[in-house]
Amino acid sequence: MIALFSPPVAGEGPLLAWLGVSLAFIYLAFSLATINHSAWGAELSPDPVERTRITAVREGLALVGW
């Protein structure tokens, strides 16, 4: 995020390239973090009922903003 908000380049062309690369990197990192966070519930328990409960709690907390 620091690279996105404080670019070390000047000029319109290099600035747009820096912005594009920074946004692509942030999107990739966020996607990897989200996939890992979503898969974590399945790794916590071998029981399908418990996995469902863990996932439901995670999604419920996400809905209330926690």
PDB file of N, CA and C in Angstrom:
ATOM      1  N   MET A   1       0.816  -1.189   0.000  1.00  0.00           N
ATOM      2  CA  MET A   1       0.000   0.000   0.000  1.00  0.00           C
ATOM      3  C   MET A   1       0.865   1.260   0.000  1.00  0.00           C
ATOM      4  N   ILE A   2       2.039   1.182   0.605  1.00  0.00           N
ATOM      5  CA  ILE A   2       2.921   2.352   0.611  1.00  0.00           C
ATOM      6  C   ILE A   2       3.332   2.710  -0.814  1.00  0.00           C
ATOM      7  N   ALA A   3       3.621   1.688  -1.613  1.00  0.00           N
ATOM      8  CA  ALA A   3       4.020   1.943  -3.000  1.00  0.00           C
ATOM      9  C   ALA A   3       2.894   2.596  -3.787  1.00  0.00           C
ATOM     10  N   LEU A   4       1.664   2.284  -3.449  1.00  0.00           N
ATOM     11  CA  LEU A   4       0.527   2.846  -4.174  1.00  0.00           C
ATOM     12  C   LEU A   4       0.324   4.318  -3.858  1.00  0.00           C
ATOM     13  N   PHE A   5       0.521   4.707  -2.603  1.00  0.00           N
ATOM     14  CA  PHE A   5       0.211   6.068  -2.190  1.00  0.00           C
ATOM     15  C   PHE A   5       1.412   7.020  -2.153  1.00  0.00           C
ATOM     16  N   SER A   6       2.608   6.516  -2.289  1.00  0.00           N
ATOM     17  CA  SER A   6       3.771   7.410  -2.340  1.00  0.00           C
ATOM     18  C   SER A   6       4.726   6.947  -3.441  1.00  0.00           C
ATOM     19  N   PRO A   7       4.361   7.204  -4.684  1.00  0.00           N
ATOM     20  CA  PRO A   7       5.192   6.754  -5.806  1.00  0.00           C
ATOM     21  C   PRO A   7       6.503   7.531  -5.888  1.00  0.00           C
ATOM     22  N   PRO A   8       7.601   6.842  -6.164  1.00  0.00           N
ATOM     23  CA  PRO A   8       8.897   7.515  -6.243  1.00  0.00           C
ATOM     24  C   PRO A   8       9.216   8.068  -7.634  1.00  0.00           C
ATOM     25  N   VAL A   9       8.283   8.024  -8.550  1.00  0.00           N
ATOM     26  CA  VAL A   9       8.550   8.474  -9.921  1.00  0.00           C
ATOM     27  C   VAL A   9       7.805   9.770 -10.206  1.00  0.00           C
ATOM     28  N   ALA A  10       8.306  10.503 -11.199  1.00  0.00           N
ATOM     29  CA  ALA A  10       7.662  11.743 -11.632  1.00  0.00           C
ATOM     30  C   ALA A  10       7.358  11.632 -13.115  1.00  0.00           C
ATOM     31  N   GLY A  11       6.366  12.324 -13.555  1.00  0.00           N
ATOM     32  CA  GLY A  11       5.966  12.256 -14.956  1.00  0.00           C
ATOM     33  C   GLY A  11       4.732  11.382 -15.111  1.00  0.00           C
ATOM     34  N   GLU A  12       3.941  11.704 -16.109  1.00  0.00           N
ATOM     35  CA  GLU A  12       2.668  11.008 -16.257  1.00  0.00           C
ATOM     36  C   GLU A  12       2.814   9.549 -16.686  1.00  0.00           C
ATOM     37  N   GLY A  13       3.665   9.267 -17.656  1.00  0.00           N
ATOM     38  CA  GLY A  13       3.846   7.892 -18.148  1.00  0.00           C
ATOM     39  C   GLY A  13       4.396   6.954 -17.078  1.00  0.00           C
ATOM     40  N   PRO A  14       5.542   7.294 -16.460  1.00  0.00           N
ATOM     41  CA  PRO A  14       6.063   6.424 -15.403  1.00  0.00           C
ATOM     42  C   PRO A  14       5.129   6.311 -14.203  1.00  0.00           C
ATOM     43  N   LEU A  15       4.402   7.389 -13.911  1.00  0.00           N
ATOM     44  CA  LEU A  15       3.467   7.350 -12.790  1.00  0.00           C
ATOM     45  C   LEU A  15       2.322   6.374 -13.054  1.00  0.00           C
ATOM     46  N   LEU A  16       1.789   6.374 -14.277  1.00  0.00           N
ATOM     47  CA  LEU A  16       0.734   5.425 -14.626  1.00  0.00           C
ATOM     48  C   LEU A  16       1.244   3.986 -14.606  1.00  0.00           C
ATOM     49  N   ALA A  17       2.469   3.769 -15.069  1.00  0.00           N
ATOM     50  CA  ALA A  17       3.053   2.422 -15.023  1.00  0.00           C
ATOM     51  C   ALA A  17       3.236   1.976 -13.575  1.00  0.00           C
ATOM     52  N   TRP A  18       3.736   2.874 -12.730  1.00  0.00           N
ATOM     53  CA  TRP A  18       3.916   2.554 -11.305  1.00  0.00           C
ATOM     54  C   TRP A  18       2.577   2.219 -10.651  1.00  0.00           C
ATOM     55  N   LEU A  19       1.550   2.997 -10.969  1.00  0.00           N
ATOM     56  CA  LEU A  19       0.224   2.764 -10.422  1.00  0.00           C
ATOM     57  C   LEU A  19      -0.315   1.403 -10.876  1.00  0.00           C
ATOM     58  N   GLY A  20      -0.156   1.077 -12.135  1.00  0.00           N
ATOM     59  CA  GLY A  20      -0.636  -0.202 -12.662  1.00  0.00           C
ATOM     60  C   GLY A  20       0.046  -1.391 -12.011  1.00  0.00           C
ATOM     61  N   VAL A  21       1.363  -1.325 -11.869  1.00  0.00           N
ATOM     62  CA  VAL A  21       2.109  -2.412 -11.237  1.00  0.00           C
ATOM     63  C   VAL A  21       1.746  -2.524  -9.758  1.00  0.00           C
ATOM     64  N   SER A  22       1.625  -1.404  -9.086  1.00  0.00           N
ATOM     65  CA  SER A  22       1.261  -1.419  -7.664  1.00  0.00           C
ATOM     66  C   SER A  22      -0.125  -2.015  -7.449  1.00  0.00           C
ATOM     67  N   LEU A  23      -1.086  -1.616  -8.267  1.00  0.00           N
ATOM     68  CA  LEU A  23      -2.441  -2.146  -8.141  1.00  0.00           C
ATOM     69  C   LEU A  23      -2.483  -3.641  -8.448  1.00  0.00           C
ATOM     70  N   ALA A  24      -1.735  -4.081  -9.447  1.00  0.00           N
ATOM     71  CA  ALA A  24      -1.696  -5.505  -9.777  1.00  0.00           C
ATOM     72  C   ALA A  24      -1.103  -6.311  -8.620  1.00  0.00           C
ATOM     73  N   PHE A  25      -0.045  -5.794  -8.011  1.00  0.00           N
ATOM     74  CA  PHE A  25       0.573  -6.489  -6.888  1.00  0.00           C
ATOM     75  C   PHE A  25      -0.365  -6.548  -5.677  1.00  0.00           C
ATOM     76  N   ILE A  26      -1.040  -5.449  -5.381  1.00  0.00           N
ATOM     77  CA  ILE A  26      -1.970  -5.415  -4.248  1.00  0.00           C
ATOM     78  C   ILE A  26      -3.139  -6.362  -4.493  1.00  0.00           C
ATOM     79  N   TYR A  27      -3.659  -6.402  -5.702  1.00  0.00           N
ATOM     80  CA  TYR A  27      -4.764  -7.295  -6.030  1.00  0.00           C
ATOM     81  C   TYR A  27      -4.332  -8.751  -5.886  1.00  0.00           C
ATOM     82  N   LEU A  28      -3.140  -9.087  -6.357  1.00  0.00           N
ATOM     83  CA  LEU A  28      -2.622 -10.447  -6.230  1.00  0.00           C
ATOM     84  C   LEU A  28      -2.439 -10.833  -4.766  1.00  0.00           C
ATOM     85  N   ALA A  29      -1.857  -9.951  -3.977  1.00  0.00           N
ATOM     86  CA  ALA A  29      -1.636 -10.239  -2.560  1.00  0.00           C
ATOM     87  C   ALA A  29      -2.959 -10.399  -1.817  1.00  0.00           C
ATOM     88  N   PHE A  30      -3.933  -9.548  -2.109  1.00  0.00           N
ATOM     89  CA  PHE A  30      -5.230  -9.655  -1.455  1.00  0.00           C
ATOM     90  C   PHE A  30      -5.935 -10.954  -1.846  1.00  0.00           C
ATOM     91  N   SER A  31      -5.826 -11.346  -3.110  1.00  0.00           N
ATOM     92  CA  SER A  31      -6.436 -12.596  -3.558  1.00  0.00           C
ATOM     93  C   SER A  31      -5.823 -13.791  -2.852  1.00  0.00           C
ATOM     94  N   LEU A  32      -4.507 -13.822  -2.731  1.00  0.00           N
ATOM     95  CA  LEU A  32      -3.842 -14.926  -2.035  1.00  0.00           C
ATOM     96  C   LEU A  32      -4.238 -14.980  -0.565  1.00  0.00           C
ATOM     97  N   ALA A  33      -4.319 -13.840   0.072  1.00  0.00           N
ATOM     98  CA  ALA A  33      -4.718 -13.802   1.482  1.00  0.00           C
ATOM     99  C   ALA A  33      -6.153 -14.262   1.659  1.00  0.00           C
ATOM    100  N   THR A  34      -7.047 -13.854   0.765  1.00  0.00           N
ATOM    101  CA  THR A  34      -8.450 -14.244   0.856  1.00  0.00           C
ATOM    102  C   THR A  34      -8.631 -15.739   0.636  1.00  0.00           C
ATOM    103  N   ILE A  35      -7.930 -16.302  -0.328  1.00  0.00           N
ATOM    104  CA  ILE A  35      -8.020 -17.739  -0.589  1.00  0.00           C
ATOM    105  C   ILE A  35      -7.509 -18.526   0.612  1.00  0.00           C
ATOM    106  N   ASN A  36      -6.393 -18.113   1.183  1.00  0.00           N
ATOM    107  CA  ASN A  36      -5.856 -18.804   2.355  1.00  0.00           C
ATOM    108  C   ASN A  36      -6.792 -18.689   3.548  1.00  0.00           C
ATOM    109  N   HIS A  37      -7.370 -17.530   3.740  1.00  0.00           N
ATOM    110  CA  HIS A  37      -8.291 -17.333   4.867  1.00  0.00           C
ATOM    111  C   HIS A  37      -9.541 -18.192   4.696  1.00  0.00           C
ATOM    112  N   SER A  38     -10.043 -18.299   3.477  1.00  0.00           N
ATOM    113  CA  SER A  38     -11.234 -19.107   3.226  1.00  0.00           C
ATOM    114  C   SER A  38     -10.952 -20.597   3.383  1.00  0.00           C
ATOM    115  N   ALA A  39      -9.770 -21.044   3.023  1.00  0.00           N
ATOM    116  CA  ALA A  39      -9.430 -22.462   3.113  1.00  0.00           C
ATOM    117  C   ALA A  39      -9.031 -22.881   4.526  1.00  0.00           C
ATOM    118  N   TRP A  40      -8.749 -21.935   5.371  1.00  0.00           N
ATOM    119  CA  TRP A  40      -8.278 -22.246   6.719  1.00  0.00           C
ATOM    120  C   TRP A  40      -9.311 -23.032   7.516  1.00  0.00           C
ATOM    121  N   GLY A  41     -10.586 -22.702   7.383  1.00  0.00           N
ATOM    122  CA  GLY A  41     -11.639 -23.400   8.104  1.00  0.00           C
ATOM    123  C   GLY A  41     -11.699 -24.878   7.774  1.00  0.00           C
ATOM    124  N   ALA A  42     -11.427 -25.231   6.536  1.00  0.00           N
ATOM    125  CA  ALA A  42     -11.433 -26.633   6.132  1.00  0.00           C
ATOM    126  C   ALA A  42     -10.250 -27.396   6.716  1.00  0.00           C
ATOM    127  N   GLU A  43      -9.200 -26.708   7.051  1.00  0.00           N
ATOM    128  CA  GLU A  43      -8.014 -27.363   7.605  1.00  0.00           C
ATOM    129  C   GLU A  43      -8.079 -27.533   9.118  1.00  0.00           C
ATOM    130  N   LEU A  44      -8.984 -26.844   9.784  1.00  0.00           N
ATOM    131  CA  LEU A  44      -9.032 -26.890  11.246  1.00  0.00           C
ATOM    132  C   LEU A  44      -9.643 -28.172  11.781  1.00  0.00           C
ATOM    133  N   SER A  45     -10.512 -28.819  11.011  1.00  0.00           N
ATOM    134  CA  SER A  45     -11.186 -30.011  11.513  1.00  0.00           C
ATOM    135  C   SER A  45     -11.422 -31.002  10.375  1.00  0.00           C
ATOM    136  N   PRO A  46     -11.262 -32.297  10.652  1.00  0.00           N
ATOM    137  CA  PRO A  46     -11.560 -33.297   9.618  1.00  0.00           C
ATOM    138  C   PRO A  46     -13.064 -33.609   9.529  1.00  0.00           C
ATOM    139  N   ASP A  47     -13.848 -33.216  10.537  1.00  0.00           N
ATOM    140  CA  ASP A  47     -15.279 -33.496  10.582  1.00  0.00           C
ATOM    141  C   ASP A  47     -16.048 -32.515   9.700  1.00  0.00           C
ATOM    142  N   PRO A  48     -16.865 -33.002   8.744  1.00  0.00           N
ATOM    143  CA  PRO A  48     -17.601 -32.091   7.854  1.00  0.00           C
ATOM    144  C   PRO A  48     -18.578 -31.170   8.583  1.00  0.00           C
ATOM    145  N   VAL A  49     -19.195 -31.649   9.642  1.00  0.00           N
ATOM    146  CA  VAL A  49     -20.139 -30.808  10.386  1.00  0.00           C
ATOM    147  C   VAL A  49     -19.394 -29.665  11.076  1.00  0.00           C
ATOM    148  N   GLU A  50     -18.245 -29.971  11.657  1.00  0.00           N
ATOM    149  CA  GLU A  50     -17.447 -28.941  12.327  1.00  0.00           C
ATOM    150  C   GLU A  50     -16.908 -27.928  11.313  1.00  0.00           C
ATOM    151  N   ARG A  51     -16.508 -28.399  10.129  1.00  0.00           N
ATOM    152  CA  ARG A  51     -16.041 -27.484   9.087  1.00  0.00           C
ATOM    153  C   ARG A  51     -17.148 -26.519   8.677  1.00  0.00           C
ATOM    154  N   THR A  52     -18.371 -27.053   8.565  1.00  0.00           N
ATOM    155  CA  THR A  52     -19.504 -26.199   8.224  1.00  0.00           C
ATOM    156  C   THR A  52     -19.746 -25.166   9.307  1.00  0.00           C
ATOM    157  N   ARG A  53     -19.642 -25.573  10.550  1.00  0.00           N
ATOM    158  CA  ARG A  53     -19.838 -24.652  11.672  1.00  0.00           C
ATOM    159  C   ARG A  53     -18.766 -23.559  11.668  1.00  0.00           C
ATOM    160  N   ILE A  54     -17.528 -23.945  11.441  1.00  0.00           N
ATOM    161  CA  ILE A  54     -16.426 -22.975  11.416  1.00  0.00           C
ATOM    162  C   ILE A  54     -16.637 -21.967  10.283  1.00  0.00           C
ATOM    163  N   THR A  55     -17.003 -22.475   9.117  1.00  0.00           N
ATOM    164  CA  THR A  55     -17.220 -21.587   7.975  1.00  0.00           C
ATOM    165  C   THR A  55     -18.413 -20.672   8.214  1.00  0.00           C
ATOM    166  N   ALA A  56     -19.471 -21.194   8.826  1.00  0.00           N
ATOM    167  CA  ALA A  56     -20.649 -20.370   9.105  1.00  0.00           C
ATOM    168  C   ALA A  56     -20.321 -19.254  10.092  1.00  0.00           C
ATOM    169  N   VAL A  57     -19.537 -19.559  11.108  1.00  0.00           N
ATOM    170  CA  VAL A  57     -19.143 -18.527  12.073  1.00  0.00           C
ATOM    171  C   VAL A  57     -18.288 -17.463  11.389  1.00  0.00           C
ATOM    172  N   ARG A  58     -17.338 -17.896  10.556  1.00  0.00           N
ATOM    173  CA  ARG A  58     -16.482 -16.938   9.843  1.00  0.00           C
ATOM    174  C   ARG A  58     -17.313 -16.015   8.968  1.00  0.00           C
ATOM    175  N   GLU A  59     -18.238 -16.585   8.207  1.00  0.00           N
ATOM    176  CA  GLU A  59     -19.068 -15.771   7.312  1.00  0.00           C
ATOM    177  C   GLU A  59     -20.032 -14.884   8.092  1.00  0.00           C
ATOM    178  N   GLY A  60     -20.575 -15.405   9.193  1.00  0.00           N
ATOM    179  CA  GLY A  60     -21.463 -14.597  10.020  1.00  0.00           C
ATOM    180  C   GLY A  60     -20.746 -13.392  10.609  1.00  0.00           C
ATOM    181  N   LEU A  61     -19.524 -13.609  11.090  1.00  0.00           N
ATOM    182  CA  LEU A  61     -18.744 -12.500  11.629  1.00  0.00           C
ATOM    183  C   LEU A  61     -18.374 -11.495  10.534  1.00  0.00           C
ATOM    184  N   ALA A  62     -18.132 -11.991   9.327  1.00  0.00           N
ATOM    185  CA  ALA A  62     -17.838 -11.083   8.209  1.00  0.00           C
ATOM    186  C   ALA A  62     -19.058 -10.225   7.866  1.00  0.00           C
ATOM    187  N   LEU A  63     -20.243 -10.805   7.995  1.00  0.00           N
ATOM    188  CA  LEU A  63     -21.452 -10.043   7.696  1.00  0.00           C
ATOM    189  C   LEU A  63     -21.698  -8.915   8.691  1.00  0.00           C
ATOM    190  N   VAL A  64     -21.344  -9.145   9.945  1.00  0.00           N
ATOM    191  CA  VAL A  64     -21.532  -8.080  10.940  1.00  0.00           C
ATOM    192  C   VAL A  64     -20.337  -7.117  10.987  1.00  0.00           C
ATOM    193  N   GLY A  65     -19.339  -7.414  10.204  1.00  0.00           N
ATOM    194  CA  GLY A  65     -18.202  -6.492  10.096  1.00  0.00           C
ATOM    195  C   GLY A  65     -17.089  -6.711  11.088  1.00  0.00           C
ATOM    196  N   TRP A  66     -16.978  -7.919  11.573  1.00  0.00           N
ATOM    197  CA  TRP A  66     -15.924  -8.181  12.553  1.00  0.00           C
ATOM    198  C   TRP A  66     -14.886  -9.057  12.019  1.00  0.00           C
TER     199      TRP A  66
END
